[in-house]
Amino acid sequence: MTDLNIYSIVVARIEYADGTGSKVRPALVVSVGDEVVKTFRITSQYQFKSDVIKAKYFEIIDWYKAGLRKPSWIDTVRFYEIDSDKVKIKIIGHLSERDIDRLKVFLLDRDIY
């Protein structure tokens, strides 16, 4: 996992927020520790979300360049931690510089990170 760094787009098994299970899905790496990788989930499901939730979703403009298959959003509602010793993490891409700059402003404006 030497190429794993902040703003990498990965596919990994991520637990549901309520702890009832997990799903293999794309995620954005926001920090890399010795054992834990902190991420935001990435979703293509945006259209039918409430306005409250939509306000916390960040649109990835360069989704194809980032290695994603369809238009996607970063779910900034909460962080998800992946135990890198126990969960297989596959790097599929990297957020573009344009999207990184936009994400930084988005998170700062909302006091998220």
N, C-alpha and C. Protein backbone atom coordinates (compact mmCIF):
# COMPACT_ATOMS: atom_id res chain seq x y z
N MET A 1 0.82 -1.20 0.00
CA MET A 1 0.00 0.00 0.00
C MET A 1 0.86 1.26 0.00
N THR A 2 2.01 1.20 -0.63
CA THR A 2 2.91 2.34 -0.60
C THR A 2 2.35 3.55 -1.36
N ASP A 3 1.45 3.32 -2.32
CA ASP A 3 0.88 4.43 -3.08
C ASP A 3 -0.34 5.04 -2.42
N LEU A 4 -0.77 4.48 -1.31
CA LEU A 4 -1.95 4.98 -0.61
C LEU A 4 -1.61 6.28 0.10
N ASN A 5 -2.33 7.34 -0.27
CA ASN A 5 -2.11 8.62 0.40
C ASN A 5 -3.40 9.43 0.42
N ILE A 6 -3.35 10.58 1.02
CA ILE A 6 -4.52 11.45 1.10
C ILE A 6 -5.00 11.77 -0.32
N TYR A 7 -6.30 11.74 -0.50
CA TYR A 7 -6.99 11.98 -1.77
C TYR A 7 -6.93 10.80 -2.73
N SER A 8 -6.41 9.65 -2.27
CA SER A 8 -6.53 8.44 -3.08
C SER A 8 -7.98 8.00 -3.08
N ILE A 9 -8.43 7.45 -4.20
CA ILE A 9 -9.75 6.83 -4.28
C ILE A 9 -9.51 5.33 -4.18
N VAL A 10 -10.18 4.70 -3.22
CA VAL A 10 -9.98 3.28 -2.97
C VAL A 10 -11.32 2.54 -3.02
N VAL A 11 -11.23 1.23 -3.15
CA VAL A 11 -12.39 0.37 -2.97
C VAL A 11 -12.06 -0.54 -1.80
N ALA A 12 -12.95 -0.59 -0.83
CA ALA A 12 -12.73 -1.40 0.37
C ALA A 12 -14.07 -1.72 1.02
N ARG A 13 -14.05 -2.69 1.91
CA ARG A 13 -15.26 -3.02 2.67
C ARG A 13 -15.41 -1.98 3.77
N ILE A 14 -16.53 -1.24 3.71
CA ILE A 14 -16.79 -0.15 4.67
C ILE A 14 -18.03 -0.52 5.48
N GLU A 15 -17.93 -0.36 6.78
CA GLU A 15 -19.06 -0.69 7.66
C GLU A 15 -20.18 0.33 7.49
N TYR A 16 -21.42 -0.14 7.67
CA TYR A 16 -22.56 0.77 7.68
C TYR A 16 -22.49 1.64 8.92
N ALA A 17 -23.06 2.83 8.84
CA ALA A 17 -23.04 3.78 9.96
C ALA A 17 -23.65 3.19 11.22
N ASP A 18 -24.67 2.34 11.07
CA ASP A 18 -25.34 1.77 12.25
C ASP A 18 -24.67 0.49 12.74
N GLY A 19 -23.59 0.06 12.08
CA GLY A 19 -22.85 -1.11 12.53
C GLY A 19 -23.49 -2.45 12.23
N THR A 20 -24.54 -2.47 11.41
CA THR A 20 -25.26 -3.72 11.14
C THR A 20 -24.64 -4.56 10.03
N GLY A 21 -23.61 -4.07 9.40
CA GLY A 21 -22.99 -4.83 8.32
C GLY A 21 -21.99 -3.96 7.58
N SER A 22 -21.67 -4.37 6.37
CA SER A 22 -20.69 -3.63 5.59
C SER A 22 -20.95 -3.85 4.11
N LYS A 23 -20.25 -3.06 3.30
CA LYS A 23 -20.42 -3.14 1.85
C LYS A 23 -19.09 -2.74 1.20
N VAL A 24 -18.74 -3.43 0.12
CA VAL A 24 -17.57 -3.03 -0.65
C VAL A 24 -17.98 -1.83 -1.50
N ARG A 25 -17.24 -0.73 -1.33
CA ARG A 25 -17.62 0.51 -2.00
C ARG A 25 -16.41 1.42 -2.17
N PRO A 26 -16.52 2.42 -3.03
CA PRO A 26 -15.43 3.39 -3.16
C PRO A 26 -15.42 4.36 -1.98
N ALA A 27 -14.23 4.86 -1.70
CA ALA A 27 -14.06 5.82 -0.61
C ALA A 27 -12.89 6.74 -0.93
N LEU A 28 -12.90 7.91 -0.32
CA LEU A 28 -11.81 8.87 -0.46
C LEU A 28 -10.97 8.83 0.81
N VAL A 29 -9.68 8.65 0.66
CA VAL A 29 -8.77 8.63 1.81
C VAL A 29 -8.54 10.06 2.28
N VAL A 30 -8.74 10.30 3.59
CA VAL A 30 -8.49 11.63 4.15
C VAL A 30 -7.31 11.64 5.12
N SER A 31 -6.93 10.47 5.63
CA SER A 31 -5.70 10.36 6.41
C SER A 31 -5.27 8.90 6.45
N VAL A 32 -3.95 8.71 6.56
CA VAL A 32 -3.38 7.36 6.60
C VAL A 32 -2.52 7.24 7.85
N GLY A 33 -2.89 6.31 8.73
CA GLY A 33 -2.11 6.03 9.92
C GLY A 33 -1.40 4.70 9.78
N ASP A 34 -0.75 4.25 10.85
CA ASP A 34 -0.04 2.98 10.81
C ASP A 34 -0.99 1.81 10.61
N GLU A 35 -2.15 1.85 11.23
CA GLU A 35 -3.09 0.74 11.15
C GLU A 35 -4.46 1.15 10.61
N VAL A 36 -4.80 2.42 10.71
CA VAL A 36 -6.15 2.87 10.35
C VAL A 36 -6.09 3.89 9.21
N VAL A 37 -6.95 3.68 8.23
CA VAL A 37 -7.11 4.63 7.13
C VAL A 37 -8.47 5.31 7.32
N LYS A 38 -8.46 6.63 7.44
CA LYS A 38 -9.71 7.38 7.62
C LYS A 38 -10.23 7.80 6.25
N THR A 39 -11.53 7.57 6.01
CA THR A 39 -12.11 7.83 4.70
C THR A 39 -13.47 8.53 4.79
N PHE A 40 -13.88 9.07 3.66
CA PHE A 40 -15.26 9.45 3.41
C PHE A 40 -15.79 8.47 2.37
N ARG A 41 -17.02 8.04 2.51
CA ARG A 41 -17.63 7.17 1.51
C ARG A 41 -17.89 7.97 0.23
N ILE A 42 -17.89 7.26 -0.89
CA ILE A 42 -18.25 7.86 -2.18
C ILE A 42 -19.51 7.15 -2.65
N THR A 43 -20.46 7.93 -3.18
CA THR A 43 -21.72 7.36 -3.63
C THR A 43 -22.14 7.94 -4.98
N SER A 44 -22.90 7.18 -5.71
CA SER A 44 -23.52 7.69 -6.94
C SER A 44 -24.99 8.01 -6.69
N GLN A 45 -25.45 7.72 -5.47
CA GLN A 45 -26.85 7.94 -5.10
C GLN A 45 -27.00 9.35 -4.50
N TYR A 46 -27.53 10.25 -5.28
CA TYR A 46 -27.66 11.64 -4.85
C TYR A 46 -29.08 12.18 -5.06
N GLN A 47 -29.66 11.85 -6.16
CA GLN A 47 -30.90 12.46 -6.63
C GLN A 47 -32.04 12.45 -5.60
N PHE A 48 -32.21 11.35 -4.89
CA PHE A 48 -33.37 11.22 -4.00
C PHE A 48 -33.04 11.49 -2.53
N LYS A 49 -31.88 12.04 -2.26
CA LYS A 49 -31.51 12.39 -0.88
C LYS A 49 -32.23 13.67 -0.47
N SER A 50 -32.38 13.85 0.84
CA SER A 50 -32.99 15.08 1.35
C SER A 50 -32.04 16.26 1.13
N ASP A 51 -32.57 17.46 1.16
CA ASP A 51 -31.74 18.66 0.99
C ASP A 51 -30.68 18.77 2.08
N VAL A 52 -31.01 18.32 3.28
CA VAL A 52 -30.06 18.35 4.40
C VAL A 52 -28.85 17.46 4.08
N ILE A 53 -29.11 16.27 3.58
CA ILE A 53 -28.03 15.34 3.22
C ILE A 53 -27.28 15.85 1.99
N LYS A 54 -28.00 16.32 0.99
CA LYS A 54 -27.36 16.82 -0.23
C LYS A 54 -26.36 17.94 0.08
N ALA A 55 -26.65 18.74 1.08
CA ALA A 55 -25.76 19.84 1.45
C ALA A 55 -24.42 19.33 1.96
N LYS A 56 -24.35 18.08 2.36
CA LYS A 56 -23.11 17.49 2.88
C LYS A 56 -22.45 16.56 1.87
N TYR A 57 -22.98 16.51 0.67
CA TYR A 57 -22.40 15.70 -0.40
C TYR A 57 -21.63 16.62 -1.35
N PHE A 58 -20.40 16.23 -1.64
CA PHE A 58 -19.53 17.01 -2.52
C PHE A 58 -19.45 16.33 -3.88
N GLU A 59 -19.81 17.06 -4.93
CA GLU A 59 -19.78 16.48 -6.27
C GLU A 59 -18.35 16.37 -6.80
N ILE A 60 -17.99 15.20 -7.28
CA ILE A 60 -16.69 14.98 -7.92
C ILE A 60 -16.86 15.30 -9.40
N ILE A 61 -16.31 16.42 -9.84
CA ILE A 61 -16.45 16.82 -11.24
C ILE A 61 -15.65 15.89 -12.15
N ASP A 62 -14.43 15.59 -11.77
CA ASP A 62 -13.55 14.75 -12.58
C ASP A 62 -13.64 13.29 -12.14
N TRP A 63 -14.86 12.79 -12.02
CA TRP A 63 -15.09 11.43 -11.51
C TRP A 63 -14.44 10.36 -12.39
N TYR A 64 -14.46 10.54 -13.70
CA TYR A 64 -13.87 9.52 -14.58
C TYR A 64 -12.34 9.48 -14.42
N LYS A 65 -11.72 10.66 -14.35
CA LYS A 65 -10.27 10.73 -14.13
C LYS A 65 -9.88 10.10 -12.80
N ALA A 66 -10.80 10.16 -11.83
CA ALA A 66 -10.52 9.63 -10.49
C ALA A 66 -10.67 8.11 -10.43
N GLY A 67 -11.06 7.49 -11.54
CA GLY A 67 -11.19 6.04 -11.56
C GLY A 67 -12.58 5.53 -11.23
N LEU A 68 -13.55 6.43 -11.18
CA LEU A 68 -14.93 6.03 -10.86
C LEU A 68 -15.71 5.74 -12.14
N ARG A 69 -16.70 4.88 -12.05
CA ARG A 69 -17.45 4.43 -13.22
C ARG A 69 -18.61 5.32 -13.61
N LYS A 70 -19.08 6.13 -12.68
CA LYS A 70 -20.23 7.00 -12.96
C LYS A 70 -20.15 8.25 -12.09
N PRO A 71 -20.95 9.26 -12.43
CA PRO A 71 -20.94 10.49 -11.62
C PRO A 71 -21.10 10.15 -10.14
N SER A 72 -20.27 10.78 -9.31
CA SER A 72 -20.22 10.41 -7.89
C SER A 72 -20.07 11.62 -7.00
N TRP A 73 -20.42 11.41 -5.73
CA TRP A 73 -20.34 12.43 -4.69
C TRP A 73 -19.61 11.87 -3.49
N ILE A 74 -18.89 12.74 -2.78
CA ILE A 74 -18.24 12.36 -1.53
C ILE A 74 -19.22 12.67 -0.41
N ASP A 75 -19.51 11.66 0.38
CA ASP A 75 -20.43 11.78 1.52
C ASP A 75 -19.61 12.25 2.71
N THR A 76 -19.75 13.54 3.08
CA THR A 76 -18.96 14.10 4.18
C THR A 76 -19.73 14.12 5.49
N VAL A 77 -20.81 13.35 5.57
CA VAL A 77 -21.62 13.31 6.79
C VAL A 77 -20.78 12.82 7.96
N ARG A 78 -19.95 11.79 7.73
CA ARG A 78 -19.08 11.28 8.79
C ARG A 78 -17.89 10.55 8.18
N PHE A 79 -16.87 10.35 9.02
CA PHE A 79 -15.69 9.60 8.61
C PHE A 79 -15.92 8.11 8.84
N TYR A 80 -15.24 7.30 8.06
CA TYR A 80 -15.25 5.84 8.25
C TYR A 80 -13.81 5.39 8.33
N GLU A 81 -13.51 4.56 9.33
CA GLU A 81 -12.16 4.06 9.51
C GLU A 81 -12.05 2.65 8.97
N ILE A 82 -10.95 2.39 8.27
CA ILE A 82 -10.67 1.07 7.73
C ILE A 82 -9.41 0.56 8.41
N ASP A 83 -9.47 -0.64 8.97
CA ASP A 83 -8.30 -1.27 9.57
C ASP A 83 -7.48 -1.86 8.42
N SER A 84 -6.39 -1.20 8.09
CA SER A 84 -5.61 -1.60 6.91
C SER A 84 -4.93 -2.96 7.08
N ASP A 85 -4.82 -3.45 8.31
CA ASP A 85 -4.25 -4.78 8.53
C ASP A 85 -5.27 -5.89 8.29
N LYS A 86 -6.55 -5.56 8.37
CA LYS A 86 -7.59 -6.58 8.27
C LYS A 86 -8.44 -6.49 7.01
N VAL A 87 -8.46 -5.33 6.37
CA VAL A 87 -9.34 -5.12 5.22
C VAL A 87 -8.50 -4.88 3.97
N LYS A 88 -8.85 -5.57 2.89
CA LYS A 88 -8.16 -5.37 1.62
C LYS A 88 -8.58 -4.02 1.04
N ILE A 89 -7.60 -3.21 0.67
CA ILE A 89 -7.84 -1.89 0.11
C ILE A 89 -7.24 -1.86 -1.29
N LYS A 90 -8.06 -1.53 -2.27
CA LYS A 90 -7.59 -1.45 -3.66
C LYS A 90 -7.64 0.01 -4.10
N ILE A 91 -6.52 0.53 -4.53
CA ILE A 91 -6.45 1.91 -5.03
C ILE A 91 -6.93 1.91 -6.47
N ILE A 92 -7.93 2.76 -6.77
CA ILE A 92 -8.44 2.82 -8.15
C ILE A 92 -8.15 4.16 -8.82
N GLY A 93 -7.73 5.15 -8.05
CA GLY A 93 -7.46 6.45 -8.65
C GLY A 93 -7.10 7.49 -7.61
N HIS A 94 -7.18 8.73 -8.03
CA HIS A 94 -6.80 9.86 -7.18
C HIS A 94 -7.68 11.05 -7.56
N LEU A 95 -8.10 11.80 -6.59
CA LEU A 95 -8.89 13.01 -6.84
C LEU A 95 -8.05 14.00 -7.66
N SER A 96 -8.64 14.65 -8.64
CA SER A 96 -7.92 15.64 -9.45
C SER A 96 -7.57 16.86 -8.61
N GLU A 97 -6.57 17.61 -9.06
CA GLU A 97 -6.18 18.83 -8.34
C GLU A 97 -7.37 19.80 -8.25
N ARG A 98 -8.13 19.89 -9.32
CA ARG A 98 -9.31 20.78 -9.32
C ARG A 98 -10.30 20.35 -8.24
N ASP A 99 -10.57 19.04 -8.16
CA ASP A 99 -11.51 18.57 -7.15
C ASP A 99 -10.93 18.67 -5.74
N ILE A 100 -9.63 18.48 -5.58
CA ILE A 100 -8.99 18.64 -4.27
C ILE A 100 -9.17 20.08 -3.78
N ASP A 101 -8.88 21.04 -4.65
CA ASP A 101 -9.03 22.45 -4.27
C ASP A 101 -10.47 22.78 -3.89
N ARG A 102 -11.41 22.29 -4.67
CA ARG A 102 -12.83 22.53 -4.39
C ARG A 102 -13.25 21.85 -3.09
N LEU A 103 -12.77 20.63 -2.86
CA LEU A 103 -13.12 19.89 -1.64
C LEU A 103 -12.61 20.62 -0.39
N LYS A 104 -11.39 21.14 -0.46
CA LYS A 104 -10.83 21.87 0.69
C LYS A 104 -11.73 23.05 1.07
N VAL A 105 -12.18 23.80 0.08
CA VAL A 105 -13.07 24.95 0.33
C VAL A 105 -14.41 24.46 0.89
N PHE A 106 -14.96 23.40 0.30
CA PHE A 106 -16.23 22.82 0.74
C PHE A 106 -16.16 22.42 2.21
N LEU A 107 -15.10 21.71 2.59
CA LEU A 107 -14.96 21.25 3.98
C LEU A 107 -14.73 22.42 4.93
N LEU A 108 -13.92 23.37 4.52
CA LEU A 108 -13.63 24.54 5.36
C LEU A 108 -14.90 25.37 5.58
N ASP A 109 -15.67 25.58 4.54
CA ASP A 109 -16.91 26.35 4.65
C ASP A 109 -17.92 25.71 5.59
N ARG A 110 -17.83 24.40 5.75
CA ARG A 110 -18.80 23.67 6.58
C ARG A 110 -18.20 23.21 7.91
N ASP A 111 -16.97 23.64 8.20
CA ASP A 111 -16.27 23.24 9.43
C ASP A 111 -16.28 21.72 9.62
N ILE A 112 -16.04 20.99 8.54
CA ILE A 112 -16.08 19.54 8.62
C ILE A 112 -14.72 18.96 8.96
N TYR A 113 -13.66 19.54 8.42
CA TYR A 113 -12.35 18.89 8.61
C TYR A 113 -11.29 19.92 8.80
